[in-house]
Each structure stands twice: as C-alpha cells, then as structure tokens.
Amino acid sequence: MSIEAKKDAGTERLARSIPEFSLHVGVGRSTIYLEIKAGRLRRIKVGKRSIIGDDDGRAWLKARAAESAP
C-alpha cells in the first residue's frame, strides 16, 4: 500500500516514518534530518527504522510556528 493510500484510509496514526512525516508537514526529508540532528525534533528508533511520534511532530511544528511569528 502506498503512502498516499494509507493517508487516505483515514486511520489515526501514533507515529510516522520520516518520509511520511515529511509529506505530512510539507517539508523535505533533508530538513527533517537536519532538525533531528540539531535536537529540535525527536525521533524514535525501532530496529533500523526511525519514526516521528505525532505528539513530537506537533510540538516541533508549534515551536517552528512560534519562531516564525512576527
């Protein structure tokens, strides 16, 4: 099943892979990896996979919005 098909299924997710999170928030994967490296975005390692918890993603997005507010 493709990422788009999963997105359209309407199921609530607790976490997303980095490519899924990137599509979800509309920024590139390289930006996500830079944010993780800078310590501004928390990733969870599950085996070899890296996932972003939805709560962590929301907190990161809220912090970015606060930084860019006039």
C-alpha atoms as a PDB file:
ATOM      1  CA  MET A   1       0.000   0.000   0.000  1.00  0.00           C
ATOM      2  CA  SER A   2       1.417   3.400  -0.944  1.00  0.00           C
ATOM      3  CA  ILE A   3       1.873   6.315   1.457  1.00  0.00           C
ATOM      4  CA  GLU A   4      -0.985   8.154  -0.265  1.00  0.00           C
ATOM      5  CA  ALA A   5      -3.315   5.166   0.089  1.00  0.00           C
ATOM      6  CA  LYS A   6      -2.515   4.887   3.785  1.00  0.00           C
ATOM      7  CA  LYS A   7      -3.094   8.613   4.200  1.00  0.00           C
ATOM      8  CA  ASP A   8      -6.494   8.346   2.517  1.00  0.00           C
ATOM      9  CA  ALA A   9      -7.541   5.419   4.716  1.00  0.00           C
ATOM     10  CA  GLY A  10      -8.371   7.950   7.442  1.00  0.00           C
ATOM     11  CA  THR A  11      -6.854   5.974  10.294  1.00  0.00           C
ATOM     12  CA  GLU A  12      -5.368   7.864  13.185  1.00  0.00           C
ATOM     13  CA  ARG A  13      -1.635   7.320  13.491  1.00  0.00           C
ATOM     14  CA  LEU A  14       0.567   7.470  16.574  1.00  0.00           C
ATOM     15  CA  ALA A  15       3.786   7.867  14.600  1.00  0.00           C
ATOM     16  CA  ARG A  16       5.053   8.236  11.044  1.00  0.00           C
ATOM     17  CA  SER A  17       8.171   7.244   9.191  1.00  0.00           C
ATOM     18  CA  ILE A  18      10.412  10.126   8.207  1.00  0.00           C
ATOM     19  CA  PRO A  19       9.222  10.084   4.554  1.00  0.00           C
ATOM     20  CA  GLU A  20       5.580  10.009   5.722  1.00  0.00           C
ATOM     21  CA  PHE A  21       6.174  12.800   8.233  1.00  0.00           C
ATOM     22  CA  SER A  22       7.933  14.841   5.561  1.00  0.00           C
ATOM     23  CA  LEU A  23       4.914  14.564   3.249  1.00  0.00           C
ATOM     24  CA  HIS A  24       2.510  15.205   6.117  1.00  0.00           C
ATOM     25  CA  VAL A  25       4.096  18.531   7.123  1.00  0.00           C
ATOM     26  CA  GLY A  26       5.223  19.579   3.649  1.00  0.00           C
ATOM     27  CA  VAL A  27       8.973  19.853   4.149  1.00  0.00           C
ATOM     28  CA  GLY A  28      11.784  17.838   2.639  1.00  0.00           C
ATOM     29  CA  ARG A  29      13.329  14.797   4.274  1.00  0.00           C
ATOM     30  CA  SER A  30      16.701  16.530   4.442  1.00  0.00           C
ATOM     31  CA  THR A  31      15.113  19.299   6.528  1.00  0.00           C
ATOM     32  CA  ILE A  32      13.661  16.684   8.872  1.00  0.00           C
ATOM     33  CA  TYR A  33      17.078  15.031   9.293  1.00  0.00           C
ATOM     34  CA  LEU A  34      18.691  18.441   9.955  1.00  0.00           C
ATOM     35  CA  GLU A  35      16.078  19.203  12.613  1.00  0.00           C
ATOM     36  CA  ILE A  36      16.724  15.825  14.265  1.00  0.00           C
ATOM     37  CA  LYS A  37      20.486  16.402  14.195  1.00  0.00           C
ATOM     38  CA  ALA A  38      20.028  19.889  15.704  1.00  0.00           C
ATOM     39  CA  GLY A  39      17.978  18.389  18.537  1.00  0.00           C
ATOM     40  CA  ARG A  40      14.793  20.267  17.661  1.00  0.00           C
ATOM     41  CA  LEU A  41      12.859  17.189  16.531  1.00  0.00           C
ATOM     42  CA  ARG A  42      12.806  13.885  18.400  1.00  0.00           C
ATOM     43  CA  ARG A  43      12.933  10.605  16.525  1.00  0.00           C
ATOM     44  CA  ILE A  44      12.255   7.158  17.889  1.00  0.00           C
ATOM     45  CA  LYS A  45      14.371   4.271  16.692  1.00  0.00           C
ATOM     46  CA  VAL A  46      12.560   0.952  16.240  1.00  0.00           C
ATOM     47  CA  GLY A  47      15.093  -1.518  14.987  1.00  0.00           C
ATOM     48  CA  LYS A  48      16.593   0.119  11.914  1.00  0.00           C
ATOM     49  CA  ARG A  49      13.601   2.392  11.362  1.00  0.00           C
ATOM     50  CA  SER A  50      13.278   5.966  12.536  1.00  0.00           C
ATOM     51  CA  ILE A  51       9.805   7.253  13.301  1.00  0.00           C
ATOM     52  CA  ILE A  52       8.428  10.568  14.474  1.00  0.00           C
ATOM     53  CA  GLY A  53       5.723  10.401  17.131  1.00  0.00           C
ATOM     54  CA  ASP A  54       2.700  12.522  16.301  1.00  0.00           C
ATOM     55  CA  ASP A  55       2.976  14.382  19.627  1.00  0.00           C
ATOM     56  CA  ASP A  56       6.648  15.141  18.931  1.00  0.00           C
ATOM     57  CA  GLY A  57       5.773  16.243  15.401  1.00  0.00           C
ATOM     58  CA  ARG A  58       3.059  18.582  16.634  1.00  0.00           C
ATOM     59  CA  ALA A  59       5.373  20.067  19.276  1.00  0.00           C
ATOM     60  CA  TRP A  60       8.086  20.623  16.661  1.00  0.00           C
ATOM     61  CA  LEU A  61       5.653  22.285  14.273  1.00  0.00           C
ATOM     62  CA  LYS A  62       4.261  24.507  17.048  1.00  0.00           C
ATOM     63  CA  ALA A  63       7.797  25.575  18.022  1.00  0.00           C
ATOM     64  CA  ARG A  64       8.651  26.395  14.390  1.00  0.00           C
ATOM     65  CA  ALA A  65       5.464  28.460  14.108  1.00  0.00           C
ATOM     66  CA  ALA A  66       6.344  30.381  17.272  1.00  0.00           C
ATOM     67  CA  GLU A  67       9.844  31.131  15.923  1.00  0.00           C
ATOM     68  CA  SER A  68       8.491  32.488  12.661  1.00  0.00           C
ATOM     69  CA  ALA A  69       5.769  34.660  14.229  1.00  0.00           C
ATOM     70  CA  PRO A  70       6.346  38.402  13.790  1.00  0.00           C
END
